[in-house]
Protein backbone atom coordinates (compact mmCIF):
# COMPACT_ATOMS: atom_id res chain seq x y z
CA MET A 1 61.94 113.05 53.51
CA GLU A 2 60.86 115.69 56.01
CA ILE A 3 57.16 114.91 55.50
CA LEU A 4 57.87 111.18 55.82
CA THR A 5 59.54 111.86 59.17
CA TYR A 6 56.44 113.72 60.36
CA TRP A 7 54.24 110.81 59.26
CA VAL A 8 56.40 108.27 61.08
CA LEU A 9 56.56 110.33 64.28
CA SER A 10 52.81 111.00 64.19
CA PHE A 11 51.86 107.39 63.59
CA GLY A 12 54.45 106.09 66.05
CA SER A 13 53.34 108.45 68.82
CA HIS A 14 49.75 107.33 68.34
CA LEU A 15 50.66 103.66 68.59
CA TYR A 16 52.99 104.05 71.57
CA SER A 17 50.58 106.24 73.56
CA PHE A 18 47.72 103.82 72.83
CA TYR A 19 49.94 100.95 73.96
CA GLN A 20 50.71 102.74 77.23
CA LEU A 21 47.00 103.38 77.80
CA HIS A 22 46.30 99.71 77.05
CA ILE A 23 48.90 98.65 79.65
CA PHE A 24 47.39 101.00 82.23
CA SER A 25 43.88 99.72 81.45
CA LYS A 26 44.88 96.09 81.98
CA GLU A 27 46.88 96.86 85.13
CA HIS A 28 43.83 98.56 86.70
CA GLU A 29 41.21 96.24 85.27
CA ALA A 30 40.22 95.01 88.74
CA GLY A 31 39.60 98.56 89.96
CA LEU A 32 37.51 99.36 86.88
CA GLU A 33 35.61 96.07 86.94
CA ARG A 34 32.37 97.64 88.17
CA GLU A 35 32.33 99.93 85.14
CA LEU A 36 33.25 97.23 82.63
CA GLU A 37 31.15 94.60 80.93
CA LYS A 38 32.37 91.08 80.32
CA VAL A 39 31.75 89.68 76.86
CA GLY A 40 32.97 86.09 76.66
CA CYS A 41 36.49 86.01 78.05
CA PHE A 42 37.13 89.73 77.51
CA TYR A 43 36.09 92.99 79.13
CA GLN A 44 34.78 95.98 77.24
CA ASP A 45 34.13 99.54 78.31
CA PRO A 46 30.40 100.30 77.78
CA THR A 47 30.41 103.69 79.50
CA ASP A 48 30.31 105.81 76.35
CA PHE A 49 26.59 106.49 76.50
CA GLU A 50 26.18 107.47 72.85
CA TRP A 51 27.90 104.39 71.41
CA THR A 52 26.13 101.97 73.75
CA PHE A 53 22.78 103.67 73.18
CA TRP A 54 22.91 103.60 69.38
CA THR A 55 24.41 100.12 69.06
CA GLN A 56 21.67 98.70 71.31
CA TRP A 57 18.97 100.44 69.30
CA ALA A 58 20.59 99.31 66.05
CA LYS A 59 20.44 95.68 67.15
CA LYS A 60 16.92 96.10 68.48
CA SER A 61 15.22 97.80 65.54
CA LEU A 62 16.99 100.69 63.80
CA LEU A 63 19.33 98.59 61.69
CA TRP A 64 16.42 96.57 60.35
CA THR A 65 14.25 99.60 59.62
CA LEU A 66 17.17 101.18 57.75
CA VAL A 67 17.54 98.01 55.69
CA GLY A 68 13.80 98.15 55.01
CA HIS A 69 14.18 101.74 53.84
CA GLY A 70 16.91 100.67 51.42
CA VAL A 71 14.80 97.83 50.01
CA ILE A 72 11.73 100.03 49.48
CA SER A 73 13.89 102.74 47.89
CA ARG A 74 15.38 100.28 45.40
CA LEU A 75 12.06 98.65 44.52
CA THR A 76 10.21 101.92 43.99
CA SER A 77 13.11 103.37 41.99
CA ILE A 78 12.97 100.42 39.62
CA PHE A 79 9.22 99.87 39.29
CA TYR A 80 7.48 103.08 40.44
CA PRO A 81 9.98 106.00 40.34
CA LYS A 82 7.27 108.65 40.70
CA PHE A 83 6.10 107.11 43.97
CA ARG A 84 9.53 106.72 45.55
CA VAL A 85 9.43 109.90 47.65
CA PRO A 86 5.84 109.37 48.91
CA ALA A 87 6.59 105.71 49.65
CA LEU A 88 9.74 106.57 51.62
CA THR A 89 7.87 109.31 53.49
CA ILE A 90 5.09 106.94 54.56
CA TYR A 91 7.65 104.29 55.49
CA GLY A 92 9.64 106.79 57.57
CA PHE A 93 6.50 107.90 59.39
CA LEU A 94 5.47 104.31 60.15
CA ALA A 95 9.00 103.38 61.26
CA ALA A 96 9.11 106.37 63.62
CA SER A 97 5.66 105.51 64.98
CA SER A 98 6.69 101.92 65.67
CA VAL A 99 9.59 103.06 67.85
CA LEU A 100 8.42 106.36 69.35
CA GLY A 101 4.77 105.41 69.63
CA ILE A 102 1.75 107.51 68.67
CA LYS A 103 2.33 109.99 71.49
CA GLY A 104 5.98 110.51 70.59
CA VAL A 105 5.20 111.07 66.91
CA GLY A 106 2.32 113.28 68.01
CA VAL A 107 4.82 115.62 69.70
CA LEU A 108 6.74 115.91 66.44
CA LEU A 109 3.54 116.54 64.47
CA VAL A 110 2.55 119.34 66.86
CA HIS A 111 6.00 120.92 66.44
CA LEU A 112 5.76 120.47 62.67
CA GLY A 113 2.31 122.04 62.52
CA LEU A 114 3.29 125.06 64.62
CA SER A 115 6.52 125.64 62.64
CA PHE A 116 4.66 125.37 59.34
CA SER A 117 1.85 127.69 60.43
CA VAL A 118 4.17 130.42 61.71
CA ALA A 119 6.35 130.12 58.58
CA GLN A 120 3.33 131.11 56.46
CA LEU A 121 3.62 134.61 57.97
CA ARG A 122 7.07 134.90 56.33
CA LYS A 123 8.68 136.61 59.31
CA PRO A 124 12.10 135.01 60.05
CA ALA A 125 12.37 136.49 63.55
CA LEU A 126 8.98 135.06 64.51
CA SER A 127 9.89 131.66 63.05
CA TRP A 128 13.11 131.67 65.05
CA ALA A 129 11.21 132.56 68.20
CA ILE A 130 8.62 129.79 67.88
CA ASN A 131 11.21 127.15 66.97
CA LEU A 132 13.48 128.10 69.86
CA LEU A 133 10.46 127.94 72.14
CA LEU A 134 9.65 124.45 70.84
CA LEU A 135 13.24 123.31 71.40
CA SER A 136 13.16 124.71 74.92
CA THR A 137 10.31 122.33 75.80
CA LEU A 138 12.94 119.58 75.91
CA HIS A 139 14.18 121.08 79.19
CA ILE A 140 10.84 121.74 80.93
CA GLN A 141 10.74 119.37 83.91
CA PRO A 142 6.95 118.73 84.05
CA LEU A 143 6.89 117.90 80.33
CA GLN A 144 9.87 115.59 80.76
CA GLU A 145 8.06 113.65 83.48
CA ILE A 146 4.92 113.32 81.36
CA GLN A 147 6.90 112.06 78.36
CA ARG A 148 8.91 109.63 80.49
CA ASP A 149 5.65 108.03 81.60
CA TRP A 150 4.86 107.17 77.99
CA TYR A 151 7.72 104.67 77.82
CA LYS A 152 8.84 101.62 79.73
CA THR A 153 12.57 102.42 79.58
CA GLU A 154 14.70 105.54 79.81
CA GLU A 155 16.31 104.67 76.47
CA GLU A 156 12.97 105.03 74.66
CA TYR A 157 12.50 108.47 76.18
CA TYR A 158 16.02 109.51 75.15
CA LEU A 159 15.25 108.43 71.59
CA LEU A 160 12.30 110.84 71.61
CA LEU A 161 14.57 113.64 72.88
CA PHE A 162 17.14 113.02 70.15
CA SER A 163 14.41 112.92 67.49
CA VAL A 164 12.81 116.18 68.64
CA ALA A 165 16.20 117.92 68.82
CA VAL A 166 17.29 116.86 65.32
CA CYS A 167 13.87 117.54 63.81
CA GLY A 168 14.02 120.99 65.43
CA LEU A 169 16.91 121.85 63.10
CA ARG A 170 14.82 120.70 60.15
CA PHE A 171 11.87 122.85 61.20
CA ILE A 172 14.13 125.90 61.48
CA SER A 173 15.60 125.14 58.06
CA PHE A 174 12.17 124.83 56.44
CA SER A 175 10.80 127.92 58.17
CA LEU A 176 13.65 130.21 57.11
CA GLU A 177 13.78 128.84 53.56
CA HIS A 178 10.04 129.42 53.26
CA CYS A 179 10.38 132.98 54.61
CA TRP A 180 13.14 133.80 52.14
CA ALA A 181 11.59 132.14 49.09
CA PRO A 182 9.08 133.86 46.74
CA ALA A 183 5.47 132.73 47.18
CA GLU A 184 5.13 130.18 44.40
CA ARG A 185 3.97 126.71 45.45
CA GLY A 186 0.78 126.16 47.40
CA GLY A 187 0.69 125.40 51.10
CA VAL A 188 -0.30 121.75 50.61
CA VAL A 189 2.75 121.07 48.43
CA GLN A 190 5.03 122.76 50.96
CA LEU A 191 3.48 120.77 53.80
CA CYS A 192 4.00 117.50 51.93
CA TRP A 193 7.68 118.31 51.32
CA LEU A 194 8.14 119.31 54.96
CA PHE A 195 6.56 116.02 56.04
CA SER A 196 8.91 114.12 53.71
CA TYR A 197 11.93 116.11 54.91
CA THR A 198 11.06 115.54 58.56
CA PHE A 199 10.42 111.80 58.39
CA TYR A 200 13.20 110.87 55.96
CA HIS A 201 14.23 107.75 57.86
CA PRO A 202 18.05 107.57 57.47
CA PHE A 203 18.49 111.08 58.91
CA PHE A 204 15.53 111.04 61.29
CA TYR A 205 17.09 110.19 64.67
CA ASN A 206 20.66 111.43 64.58
CA GLY A 207 21.43 113.11 61.27
CA PRO A 208 23.64 114.05 59.53
CA ILE A 209 21.99 117.40 58.94
CA ILE A 210 20.90 118.45 55.47
CA THR A 211 19.09 121.71 54.73
CA TYR A 212 15.53 121.77 53.43
CA GLN A 213 16.62 123.49 50.22
CA ASP A 214 19.21 120.81 49.47
CA TYR A 215 16.75 118.04 50.31
CA ILE A 216 13.97 119.07 47.92
CA GLU A 217 16.34 119.97 45.08
CA GLN A 218 18.30 116.73 45.27
CA GLU A 219 15.24 114.55 45.79
CA ARG A 220 13.70 115.86 42.58
CA ASP A 221 16.87 116.01 40.49
CA GLY A 222 18.94 112.89 40.94
CA ASP A 223 20.17 111.08 37.85
CA LYS A 224 23.24 109.20 39.01
CA SER A 225 23.14 105.59 40.18
CA VAL A 226 25.63 104.72 42.91
CA PHE A 227 24.42 101.20 43.62
CA SER A 228 27.79 99.81 42.53
CA TYR A 229 29.34 101.43 45.61
CA LEU A 230 27.05 99.58 48.02
CA VAL A 231 29.35 96.66 48.81
CA LEU A 232 32.37 98.92 49.29
CA ARG A 233 30.50 101.29 51.59
CA VAL A 234 29.02 98.49 53.68
CA GLY A 235 32.48 96.99 54.02
CA ARG A 236 33.90 100.31 55.20
CA ILE A 237 31.11 100.79 57.76
CA ILE A 238 31.70 97.28 59.14
CA LEU A 239 35.43 98.02 59.36
CA TRP A 240 34.77 101.27 61.27
CA TRP A 241 32.40 99.46 63.62
CA CYS A 242 35.05 96.77 64.26
CA ILE A 243 37.67 99.44 65.02
CA ALA A 244 35.33 101.18 67.49
CA GLU A 245 34.56 97.87 69.23
CA TYR A 246 38.26 96.98 69.32
CA LEU A 247 39.12 100.31 70.95
CA ILE A 248 36.67 99.85 73.82
CA HIS A 249 37.96 96.29 74.37
CA VAL A 250 41.66 97.16 74.64
CA MET A 251 41.52 100.68 76.16
CA TYR A 252 39.06 101.53 78.91
CA MET A 253 39.26 105.24 78.13
CA HIS A 254 35.73 106.22 79.05
CA SER A 255 35.83 104.51 82.45
CA ILE A 256 39.25 106.07 83.17
CA GLN A 257 38.13 109.59 82.19
CA SER A 258 35.25 109.42 84.68
CA ASN A 259 37.62 108.55 87.56
CA GLU A 260 39.68 111.52 88.77
CA THR A 261 42.04 109.28 90.73
CA TYR A 262 43.14 107.45 87.60
CA LEU A 263 43.44 110.71 85.68
CA GLU A 264 45.85 111.95 88.34
CA ILE A 265 48.07 108.84 88.30
CA LEU A 266 48.18 108.15 84.56
CA PRO A 267 51.78 108.12 83.25
CA PRO A 268 52.46 110.99 80.81
CA TRP A 269 52.39 108.81 77.69
CA ALA A 270 49.19 107.09 78.83
CA LEU A 271 47.69 110.51 79.57
CA GLY A 272 48.42 111.57 76.01
CA GLY A 273 47.07 108.24 74.80
CA LEU A 274 43.85 108.84 76.70
CA ALA A 275 43.36 112.24 75.05
CA LEU A 276 44.03 110.81 71.59
CA ALA A 277 41.89 107.72 72.22
CA LEU A 278 38.89 109.77 73.34
CA VAL A 279 38.91 112.05 70.30
CA GLN A 280 39.75 109.23 67.88
CA PHE A 281 36.94 107.07 69.23
CA PHE A 282 34.57 110.02 68.83
CA PHE A 283 35.72 110.29 65.20
CA VAL A 284 35.31 106.57 64.43
CA LYS A 285 31.95 106.51 66.22
CA TYR A 286 30.57 109.16 63.92
CA LEU A 287 31.97 107.46 60.85
CA VAL A 288 29.62 104.61 61.78
CA LEU A 289 26.67 106.73 62.97
CA PHE A 290 26.79 108.98 59.89
CA GLY A 291 28.18 106.37 57.48
CA LEU A 292 25.14 104.10 57.16
CA PRO A 293 22.54 106.91 56.82
CA SER A 294 24.79 108.70 54.31
CA MET A 295 25.13 105.53 52.25
CA LEU A 296 21.35 105.10 52.09
CA ALA A 297 20.90 108.77 51.24
CA THR A 298 23.37 108.42 48.39
CA LEU A 299 21.39 105.47 47.05
CA ASP A 300 18.32 107.72 47.24
CA LYS A 301 20.14 110.19 44.96
CA LEU A 302 20.74 112.70 47.71
CA VAL A 303 24.15 114.25 48.33
CA PRO A 304 24.76 113.92 52.08
CA PRO A 305 27.41 115.94 53.92
CA LYS A 306 30.91 114.51 53.79
CA LEU A 307 31.84 112.13 56.58
CA PRO A 308 34.00 113.48 59.43
CA ARG A 309 37.66 114.06 58.69
CA CYS A 310 40.22 112.32 60.91
CA VAL A 311 40.77 114.42 64.03
CA SER A 312 44.51 113.69 64.10
CA ILE A 313 45.02 115.87 61.03
CA MET A 314 42.85 118.70 62.37
CA TYR A 315 45.16 121.56 63.30
CA SER A 316 42.72 124.41 63.86
CA PHE A 317 39.38 125.21 65.48
CA THR A 318 38.11 126.48 62.14
CA GLY A 319 39.05 123.27 60.36
CA MET A 320 37.46 121.14 63.07
CA TRP A 321 34.12 122.88 62.71
CA ARG A 322 34.27 122.91 58.94
CA HIS A 323 35.24 119.28 58.38
CA PHE A 324 34.03 117.17 61.31
CA ASP A 325 30.26 117.70 61.03
CA GLU A 326 29.92 119.37 57.66
CA GLY A 327 26.12 119.26 57.74
CA LEU A 328 25.87 121.13 61.04
CA TYR A 329 28.55 123.59 59.90
CA ARG A 330 26.67 124.43 56.71
CA TRP A 331 23.42 124.74 58.67
CA LEU A 332 25.00 127.21 61.11
CA ILE A 333 26.54 129.25 58.29
CA ARG A 334 23.31 129.46 56.29
CA TYR A 335 20.84 130.16 59.07
CA ILE A 336 22.83 132.02 61.75
CA TYR A 337 26.22 133.30 60.60
CA VAL A 338 25.29 134.79 57.20
CA PRO A 339 21.88 136.27 58.18
CA LEU A 340 23.53 138.05 61.13
CA GLY A 341 26.08 139.68 58.84
CA GLY A 342 29.06 137.35 59.12
CA SER A 343 32.26 138.85 57.79
CA ARG A 344 30.47 141.27 55.45
CA HIS A 345 29.95 143.99 58.07
CA GLY A 346 33.25 144.20 59.87
CA HIS A 347 34.99 142.40 62.70
CA LEU A 348 32.38 143.17 65.36
CA SER A 349 29.63 141.63 63.25
CA LYS A 350 31.83 138.62 62.61
CA MET A 351 32.49 138.16 66.34
CA LEU A 352 28.79 138.47 67.17
CA SER A 353 27.68 136.09 64.40
CA THR A 354 30.26 133.49 65.41
CA GLY A 355 29.41 133.83 69.09
CA LEU A 356 25.69 133.38 68.52
CA ALA A 357 26.35 130.33 66.33
CA PHE A 358 28.35 128.70 69.13
CA GLY A 359 25.73 129.80 71.64
CA PHE A 360 23.02 128.06 69.65
CA VAL A 361 25.05 124.85 69.42
CA CYS A 362 25.58 124.97 73.18
CA LEU A 363 21.85 125.39 73.85
CA TRP A 364 20.92 122.73 71.28
CA HIS A 365 23.16 120.21 73.04
CA GLY A 366 21.58 121.00 76.40
CA GLY A 367 23.27 124.17 77.65
CA HIS A 368 25.07 122.45 80.55
CA ASP A 369 27.97 124.21 82.27
CA TYR A 370 30.65 122.11 80.55
CA LEU A 371 29.05 122.88 77.17
CA GLN A 372 29.25 126.59 77.96
CA TYR A 373 32.99 126.28 78.63
CA TRP A 374 33.40 124.24 75.45
CA ALA A 375 31.50 126.79 73.34
CA LEU A 376 33.50 129.69 74.81
CA MET A 377 36.80 127.91 74.13
CA ASN A 378 35.81 127.23 70.54
CA TRP A 379 34.59 130.79 70.03
CA ALA A 380 37.84 132.17 71.40
CA GLY A 381 39.87 129.73 69.30
CA VAL A 382 38.10 130.67 66.07
CA LEU A 383 38.43 134.40 66.82
CA VAL A 384 42.16 134.10 67.54
CA GLU A 385 42.78 132.08 64.38
CA ASN A 386 40.75 134.49 62.24
CA GLY A 387 42.64 137.39 63.80
CA LEU A 388 46.11 135.94 63.29
CA LYS A 389 45.54 134.85 59.69
CA PRO A 390 45.22 138.36 58.16
CA LEU A 391 47.89 139.67 60.52
CA PHE A 392 50.56 137.26 59.27
CA ALA A 393 49.40 137.71 55.69
CA SER A 394 49.72 141.50 55.90
CA SER A 395 52.33 143.32 53.83
CA PHE A 396 53.79 144.84 57.02
CA ILE A 397 54.69 141.45 58.53
CA ARG A 398 55.95 140.15 55.19
CA SER A 399 58.16 143.19 54.78
CA ILE A 400 59.79 142.41 58.14
CA VAL A 401 60.01 138.63 57.80
CA ASN A 402 60.39 137.09 54.37
CA PHE A 403 60.43 133.31 54.80
CA SER A 404 60.70 130.71 52.09
CA ALA A 405 57.62 128.54 51.48
CA PRO A 406 58.94 125.54 53.52
CA MET A 407 59.95 127.79 56.42
CA GLU A 408 56.59 129.58 56.32
CA ARG A 409 54.84 126.23 56.53
CA ARG A 410 56.98 125.25 59.53
CA CYS A 411 55.97 128.47 61.28
CA ILE A 412 52.30 127.78 60.54
CA ALA A 413 52.69 124.23 61.90
CA LEU A 414 54.35 125.57 65.04
CA LEU A 415 51.49 127.97 65.72
CA SER A 416 49.03 125.23 64.83
CA ALA A 417 50.57 122.98 67.48
CA PHE A 418 49.42 125.41 70.18
CA SER A 419 46.01 125.74 68.51
CA THR A 420 45.70 121.93 68.33
CA ALA A 421 46.56 121.62 72.02
CA MET A 422 43.70 123.98 72.91
CA LEU A 423 41.43 122.22 70.42
CA ILE A 424 42.08 118.85 72.06
CA LEU A 425 41.53 120.41 75.48
CA SER A 426 38.15 121.82 74.39
CA ASN A 427 37.15 118.44 72.96
CA LEU A 428 38.08 116.76 76.25
CA VAL A 429 35.79 119.19 78.06
CA PHE A 430 33.01 118.32 75.58
CA LEU A 431 33.55 114.57 75.81
CA GLY A 432 34.44 114.18 79.49
CA GLY A 433 33.34 117.29 81.34
CA ILE A 434 35.05 120.16 83.10
CA HIS A 435 36.97 117.89 85.50
CA VAL A 436 38.74 116.12 82.63
CA GLY A 437 39.81 119.39 81.03
CA ARG A 438 40.91 120.81 84.37
CA ILE A 439 43.12 117.80 85.20
CA PHE A 440 44.67 117.75 81.73
CA TRP A 441 45.40 121.46 81.95
CA LYS A 442 46.98 121.08 85.38
CA ARG A 443 49.07 118.03 84.53
CA VAL A 444 50.28 119.17 81.11
CA PHE A 445 50.58 122.96 81.27
CA ILE A 446 51.09 123.69 84.97
CA GLN A 447 52.81 120.71 86.59
CA GLY A 448 54.35 119.49 83.35
CA TRP A 449 55.21 122.79 81.68
CA SER A 450 58.87 121.82 81.41
CA THR A 451 58.56 118.03 81.07
CA THR A 452 55.23 117.06 79.47
CA ALA A 453 54.19 120.13 77.46
CA PRO A 454 57.32 120.47 75.23
CA PRO A 455 57.29 116.90 73.83
CA MET A 456 53.52 117.07 73.49
CA LEU A 457 53.77 120.26 71.42
CA ALA A 458 56.55 118.69 69.36
CA PHE A 459 54.31 115.77 68.43
CA LEU A 460 51.39 118.12 67.78
CA TYR A 461 53.73 120.01 65.44
CA CYS A 462 54.18 116.75 63.53
CA PHE A 463 50.41 116.23 63.48
CA ALA A 464 49.96 119.74 62.09
CA GLN A 465 52.56 119.12 59.36
CA VAL A 466 50.69 115.97 58.33
CA GLY A 467 47.41 117.91 58.33
CA LEU A 468 48.90 120.71 56.23
CA GLU A 469 50.23 118.14 53.76
CA TYR A 470 46.78 116.52 53.55
CA THR A 471 44.94 119.79 52.92
CA SER A 472 47.51 120.97 50.37
CA ARG A 473 46.75 118.02 48.11
CA PRO A 474 43.41 118.01 46.23
CA PRO A 475 41.17 115.01 46.97
């Protein structure tokens, strides 16, 4: 009965806060009209760059090239299984060339060649240095201007940037795996697998991330057909896409977050609705963006990372990193956290390894000032959580306070409510910028410390209880 109450309060608070944000959006529709886009008789909020960018590219070409990948994969699997990987590699290269152009693909081939050549020296530090140098070219102004001139639109240039950034993670993965592995296969075989890994079409532009080791092992050893799940998965992706489109039609959250005046006058419930709507839309968006590539990868007998877990049941910084983008999390653990010592060499090593992992993510996303704040908040959040966990599990604390299991869970949920509040705040900085986080902090924790913060923490306590219930049950 207690858990049911938490479910009802969590679900009800979501619906009511979304309703209040919807009312505010419609009341100020005239003031937001310049930011909105009219589709038929209704307005929609197109100001989320990522969603608008990828949906436009999907309609233009990416959706059709992904369908083509699926068709070729099925045909080669049935008639020419031995040629499936080479056929998909050639198709991925041609699909990338058709969108990025010869010059754009040429940039990737130069990066690939340099990463491969340096990896032959089997020196991880040198491979890291060259790959970081290659990633840094994304931010060199003269190079940006040259690459912009290759394309007619800014969107085509951005697609090149995204491709280079994601492929950069693949080059690092290959380089380090090659440095760590015994010298067995010849260079030509390694180069062919790197080429296949780089131009694997479903993951090429935006991920999700899969390590080189996992890619080559799964590609060569897949014996389970999952074609029967195709209709179900396509139906789920369409449902997620419909939910995302519905959200930007009924709540103009992205236009509101970019306007400080509206952020200041939002009623408390609508303010909470805006925070929830922004993070929930981000979650649903990546269910779509990762869902279709993951489905195609599964049909190709790969095992892609799990799709993001619902952010409303995330009650810790650690859980958010572990379960939202599992591919990136595993990449960071394997190539940064563990090689730097992780938790094996004491707390200082753990702090340094975690900090450098967050620092890399910040730089990979662009290194802007708001990303630096976001990375620092997440680093601090993870350190605090990792520090409190052994403290409360210590025999000293348990000898002083001996709670029953239900009471212990309530205490964990209470602490998690504060952690979740900071987690949401950090995500608002990531999604909206420093000004959004600053206004939320001021309105909730400074101006509303006695009126807004207590009920907010009470509902976050309910969210945490639901999250704890979810994680306590095996999937």
